[in-house]
């Protein structure tokens, strides 16, 4: 996982948060390292507010209001992690990315957030995003060797 330590800024897609919050045993060594680097200030992180929305769907569906509040608190208060909203700059960049790479809107927003925030790498498990050449894409399943794909 030296690849993580080679960068100083990351845009983090939703699945990394889900794996971490749910304690997925295959991914938690990776997410602990990633979030540890960010929490300590060795790296900075950014996530789209789209990630917050995606994180809240399952606990809201289940009526788990404690998880809803925990997730909101964690993203709002995590050291060295910025939540970037869908503003005109991100929206226009997402349109460019979507037009160029034929991505779904949520994926284009994640990539645009990485680009606008000048992240060195995008952390995801979405193999479709490997085609993006504007930012280095780190596929979690490839790093940890599961070979599986999970998309957000």
C-alpha atoms as a PDB file:
ATOM      1  CA  UNK A   1       0.000   0.000   0.000  1.00  0.00           C
ATOM      2  CA  UNK A   2       2.964   2.249  -0.610  1.00  0.00           C
ATOM      3  CA  UNK A   3       0.962   3.797  -3.425  1.00  0.00           C
ATOM      4  CA  UNK A   4      -1.131   5.586  -0.804  1.00  0.00           C
ATOM      5  CA  UNK A   5       1.901   7.007   0.929  1.00  0.00           C
ATOM      6  CA  UNK A   6       3.181   8.389  -2.388  1.00  0.00           C
ATOM      7  CA  UNK A   7       0.412  10.990  -2.563  1.00  0.00           C
ATOM      8  CA  UNK A   8      -0.464  13.962  -0.408  1.00  0.00           C
ATOM      9  CA  UNK A   9      -4.045  14.600  -1.506  1.00  0.00           C
ATOM     10  CA  UNK A  10      -6.941  12.289  -2.273  1.00  0.00           C
ATOM     11  CA  UNK A  11     -10.478  12.555  -3.488  1.00  0.00           C
ATOM     12  CA  UNK A  12     -12.363   9.725  -1.840  1.00  0.00           C
ATOM     13  CA  UNK A  13     -15.299   8.022  -3.509  1.00  0.00           C
ATOM     14  CA  UNK A  14     -18.226   6.764  -1.459  1.00  0.00           C
ATOM     15  CA  UNK A  15     -17.248   3.090  -1.292  1.00  0.00           C
ATOM     16  CA  UNK A  16     -14.142   3.794   0.807  1.00  0.00           C
ATOM     17  CA  UNK A  17     -16.327   5.389   3.470  1.00  0.00           C
ATOM     18  CA  UNK A  18     -18.884   2.573   3.314  1.00  0.00           C
ATOM     19  CA  UNK A  19     -16.206  -0.106   3.688  1.00  0.00           C
ATOM     20  CA  UNK A  20     -14.678   1.793   6.589  1.00  0.00           C
ATOM     21  CA  UNK A  21     -17.894   2.600   8.453  1.00  0.00           C
ATOM     22  CA  UNK A  22     -19.279  -0.912   7.989  1.00  0.00           C
ATOM     23  CA  UNK A  23     -15.976  -2.519   9.006  1.00  0.00           C
ATOM     24  CA  UNK A  24     -15.540  -4.548   5.808  1.00  0.00           C
ATOM     25  CA  UNK A  25     -12.646  -6.867   6.768  1.00  0.00           C
ATOM     26  CA  UNK A  26     -11.227  -7.018   3.243  1.00  0.00           C
ATOM     27  CA  UNK A  27     -10.942  -3.234   2.998  1.00  0.00           C
ATOM     28  CA  UNK A  28     -10.423  -1.889   6.513  1.00  0.00           C
ATOM     29  CA  UNK A  29      -6.608  -2.265   6.451  1.00  0.00           C
ATOM     30  CA  UNK A  30      -6.641  -0.026   3.355  1.00  0.00           C
ATOM     31  CA  UNK A  31      -9.178   2.463   4.701  1.00  0.00           C
ATOM     32  CA  UNK A  32      -7.471   2.668   8.104  1.00  0.00           C
ATOM     33  CA  UNK A  33      -4.215   3.588   6.379  1.00  0.00           C
ATOM     34  CA  UNK A  34      -5.946   6.088   4.070  1.00  0.00           C
ATOM     35  CA  UNK A  35      -7.936   7.807   6.798  1.00  0.00           C
ATOM     36  CA  UNK A  36      -4.959   7.674   9.159  1.00  0.00           C
ATOM     37  CA  UNK A  37      -2.830   9.582   6.653  1.00  0.00           C
ATOM     38  CA  UNK A  38      -5.561  12.190   6.316  1.00  0.00           C
ATOM     39  CA  UNK A  39      -6.336  12.463  10.029  1.00  0.00           C
ATOM     40  CA  UNK A  40      -2.647  12.918  10.880  1.00  0.00           C
ATOM     41  CA  UNK A  41      -2.238  15.655   8.276  1.00  0.00           C
ATOM     42  CA  UNK A  42       0.235  13.656   6.188  1.00  0.00           C
ATOM     43  CA  UNK A  43      -2.311  13.937   3.378  1.00  0.00           C
ATOM     44  CA  UNK A  44      -5.455  15.910   2.756  1.00  0.00           C
ATOM     45  CA  UNK A  45      -8.751  14.469   1.654  1.00  0.00           C
ATOM     46  CA  UNK A  46     -11.738  15.742  -0.207  1.00  0.00           C
ATOM     47  CA  UNK A  47     -15.116  14.173  -0.819  1.00  0.00           C
ATOM     48  CA  UNK A  48     -18.087  15.376  -2.770  1.00  0.00           C
ATOM     49  CA  UNK A  49     -21.280  16.171  -0.904  1.00  0.00           C
ATOM     50  CA  UNK A  50     -22.660  13.523  -3.271  1.00  0.00           C
ATOM     51  CA  UNK A  51     -20.767  11.056  -1.064  1.00  0.00           C
ATOM     52  CA  UNK A  52     -22.673  12.275   1.966  1.00  0.00           C
ATOM     53  CA  UNK A  53     -25.948  11.765   0.122  1.00  0.00           C
ATOM     54  CA  UNK A  54     -24.961   8.250  -0.973  1.00  0.00           C
ATOM     55  CA  UNK A  55     -23.805   7.329   2.547  1.00  0.00           C
ATOM     56  CA  UNK A  56     -27.109   8.364   4.088  1.00  0.00           C
ATOM     57  CA  UNK A  57     -29.365   6.307   1.801  1.00  0.00           C
ATOM     58  CA  UNK A  58     -29.008   2.933   3.559  1.00  0.00           C
ATOM     59  CA  UNK A  59     -29.380   4.161   7.146  1.00  0.00           C
ATOM     60  CA  UNK A  60     -32.331   6.349   6.152  1.00  0.00           C
ATOM     61  CA  UNK A  61     -33.947   3.395   4.389  1.00  0.00           C
ATOM     62  CA  UNK A  62     -33.462   1.326   7.548  1.00  0.00           C
ATOM     63  CA  UNK A  63     -34.636   4.135   9.801  1.00  0.00           C
ATOM     64  CA  UNK A  64     -31.260   4.129  11.572  1.00  0.00           C
ATOM     65  CA  UNK A  65     -31.163   7.752  12.700  1.00  0.00           C
ATOM     66  CA  UNK A  66     -28.102   7.150  14.891  1.00  0.00           C
ATOM     67  CA  UNK A  67     -26.072   6.045  11.844  1.00  0.00           C
ATOM     68  CA  UNK A  68     -27.380   9.047   9.882  1.00  0.00           C
ATOM     69  CA  UNK A  69     -26.128  11.428  12.555  1.00  0.00           C
ATOM     70  CA  UNK A  70     -22.846   9.515  12.990  1.00  0.00           C
ATOM     71  CA  UNK A  71     -22.079   9.674   9.258  1.00  0.00           C
ATOM     72  CA  UNK A  72     -22.948  13.351   9.036  1.00  0.00           C
ATOM     73  CA  UNK A  73     -20.795  14.131  12.069  1.00  0.00           C
ATOM     74  CA  UNK A  74     -17.871  12.037  10.817  1.00  0.00           C
ATOM     75  CA  UNK A  75     -17.737  13.745   7.427  1.00  0.00           C
ATOM     76  CA  UNK A  76     -18.256  17.237   8.816  1.00  0.00           C
ATOM     77  CA  UNK A  77     -15.625  16.905  11.542  1.00  0.00           C
ATOM     78  CA  UNK A  78     -12.943  14.597  10.158  1.00  0.00           C
ATOM     79  CA  UNK A  79      -9.557  16.355  10.340  1.00  0.00           C
ATOM     80  CA  UNK A  80      -8.079  17.413   6.999  1.00  0.00           C
ATOM     81  CA  UNK A  81     -11.127  16.232   5.038  1.00  0.00           C
ATOM     82  CA  UNK A  82     -13.074  18.760   3.003  1.00  0.00           C
ATOM     83  CA  UNK A  83     -16.597  18.239   1.718  1.00  0.00           C
ATOM     84  CA  UNK A  84     -16.974  19.974  -1.649  1.00  0.00           C
ATOM     85  CA  UNK A  85     -20.447  20.832  -2.838  1.00  0.00           C
ATOM     86  CA  UNK A  86     -21.789  20.781  -6.358  1.00  0.00           C
ATOM     87  CA  UNK A  87     -21.121  24.382  -7.281  1.00  0.00           C
ATOM     88  CA  UNK A  88     -20.934  25.884 -10.804  1.00  0.00           C
ATOM     89  CA  UNK A  89     -17.205  25.089 -11.146  1.00  0.00           C
ATOM     90  CA  UNK A  90     -17.670  21.415 -10.249  1.00  0.00           C
ATOM     91  CA  UNK A  91     -20.820  21.185 -12.395  1.00  0.00           C
ATOM     92  CA  UNK A  92     -19.096  22.533 -15.491  1.00  0.00           C
ATOM     93  CA  UNK A  93     -16.072  20.288 -14.982  1.00  0.00           C
ATOM     94  CA  UNK A  94     -18.406  17.303 -14.478  1.00  0.00           C
ATOM     95  CA  UNK A  95     -20.138  18.121 -17.779  1.00  0.00           C
ATOM     96  CA  UNK A  96     -16.756  18.145 -19.536  1.00  0.00           C
ATOM     97  CA  UNK A  97     -15.787  14.819 -17.956  1.00  0.00           C
ATOM     98  CA  UNK A  98     -19.152  13.254 -18.735  1.00  0.00           C
ATOM     99  CA  UNK A  99     -18.996  14.411 -22.366  1.00  0.00           C
ATOM    100  CA  UNK A 100     -15.427  13.184 -22.815  1.00  0.00           C
ATOM    101  CA  UNK A 101     -15.689   9.848 -21.017  1.00  0.00           C
ATOM    102  CA  UNK A 102     -19.416   8.986 -21.250  1.00  0.00           C
ATOM    103  CA  UNK A 103     -19.696   8.521 -17.485  1.00  0.00           C
ATOM    104  CA  UNK A 104     -22.811   8.561 -15.359  1.00  0.00           C
ATOM    105  CA  UNK A 105     -23.480  11.904 -13.688  1.00  0.00           C
ATOM    106  CA  UNK A 106     -22.501  10.768 -10.158  1.00  0.00           C
ATOM    107  CA  UNK A 107     -19.172   9.414 -11.417  1.00  0.00           C
ATOM    108  CA  UNK A 108     -18.488  12.591 -13.382  1.00  0.00           C
ATOM    109  CA  UNK A 109     -19.193  14.654 -10.239  1.00  0.00           C
ATOM    110  CA  UNK A 110     -16.713  12.582  -8.220  1.00  0.00           C
ATOM    111  CA  UNK A 111     -14.001  13.002 -10.875  1.00  0.00           C
ATOM    112  CA  UNK A 112     -14.745  16.715 -11.255  1.00  0.00           C
ATOM    113  CA  UNK A 113     -14.473  17.170  -7.502  1.00  0.00           C
ATOM    114  CA  UNK A 114     -11.035  15.540  -7.603  1.00  0.00           C
ATOM    115  CA  UNK A 115      -9.929  17.806 -10.441  1.00  0.00           C
ATOM    116  CA  UNK A 116     -11.304  21.069  -9.054  1.00  0.00           C
ATOM    117  CA  UNK A 117      -9.769  20.331  -5.649  1.00  0.00           C
ATOM    118  CA  UNK A 118      -6.477  19.344  -7.335  1.00  0.00           C
ATOM    119  CA  UNK A 119      -6.368  15.920  -5.698  1.00  0.00           C
ATOM    120  CA  UNK A 120      -3.361  13.853  -6.720  1.00  0.00           C
ATOM    121  CA  UNK A 121      -5.431  10.665  -6.787  1.00  0.00           C
ATOM    122  CA  UNK A 122      -9.021   9.478  -6.774  1.00  0.00           C
ATOM    123  CA  UNK A 123      -9.727   6.544  -4.451  1.00  0.00           C
ATOM    124  CA  UNK A 124     -12.551   4.357  -5.767  1.00  0.00           C
ATOM    125  CA  UNK A 125     -13.591   0.821  -6.496  1.00  0.00           C
ATOM    126  CA  UNK A 126     -15.298   1.717  -9.741  1.00  0.00           C
ATOM    127  CA  UNK A 127     -13.324   0.145 -12.579  1.00  0.00           C
ATOM    128  CA  UNK A 128     -14.975   2.443 -15.141  1.00  0.00           C
ATOM    129  CA  UNK A 129     -13.019   5.337 -13.672  1.00  0.00           C
ATOM    130  CA  UNK A 130      -9.685   3.766 -14.676  1.00  0.00           C
ATOM    131  CA  UNK A 131     -10.197   5.297 -18.112  1.00  0.00           C
ATOM    132  CA  UNK A 132      -9.882   8.788 -16.652  1.00  0.00           C
ATOM    133  CA  UNK A 133      -6.492  10.213 -17.511  1.00  0.00           C
ATOM    134  CA  UNK A 134      -6.923  13.618 -15.883  1.00  0.00           C
ATOM    135  CA  UNK A 135      -6.303  12.246 -12.371  1.00  0.00           C
ATOM    136  CA  UNK A 136      -4.618   9.088 -11.112  1.00  0.00           C
ATOM    137  CA  UNK A 137      -7.285   6.571 -10.180  1.00  0.00           C
ATOM    138  CA  UNK A 138      -6.534   4.108  -7.402  1.00  0.00           C
ATOM    139  CA  UNK A 139      -8.819   1.065  -7.498  1.00  0.00           C
ATOM    140  CA  UNK A 140      -9.060  -0.329  -3.977  1.00  0.00           C
ATOM    141  CA  UNK A 141      -9.736  -3.936  -5.018  1.00  0.00           C
ATOM    142  CA  UNK A 142      -6.588  -3.938  -7.156  1.00  0.00           C
ATOM    143  CA  UNK A 143      -4.474  -2.627  -4.302  1.00  0.00           C
ATOM    144  CA  UNK A 144      -5.695  -5.158  -1.771  1.00  0.00           C
ATOM    145  CA  UNK A 145      -5.827  -7.978  -4.323  1.00  0.00           C
ATOM    146  CA  UNK A 146      -9.498  -8.979  -4.117  1.00  0.00           C
ATOM    147  CA  UNK A 147     -10.044  -8.514  -7.827  1.00  0.00           C
ATOM    148  CA  UNK A 148     -13.691  -7.755  -7.105  1.00  0.00           C
ATOM    149  CA  UNK A 149     -15.504  -4.661  -8.255  1.00  0.00           C
ATOM    150  CA  UNK A 150     -17.928  -2.636  -6.266  1.00  0.00           C
ATOM    151  CA  UNK A 151     -19.390   0.504  -7.704  1.00  0.00           C
ATOM    152  CA  UNK A 152     -20.981   3.396  -5.961  1.00  0.00           C
END
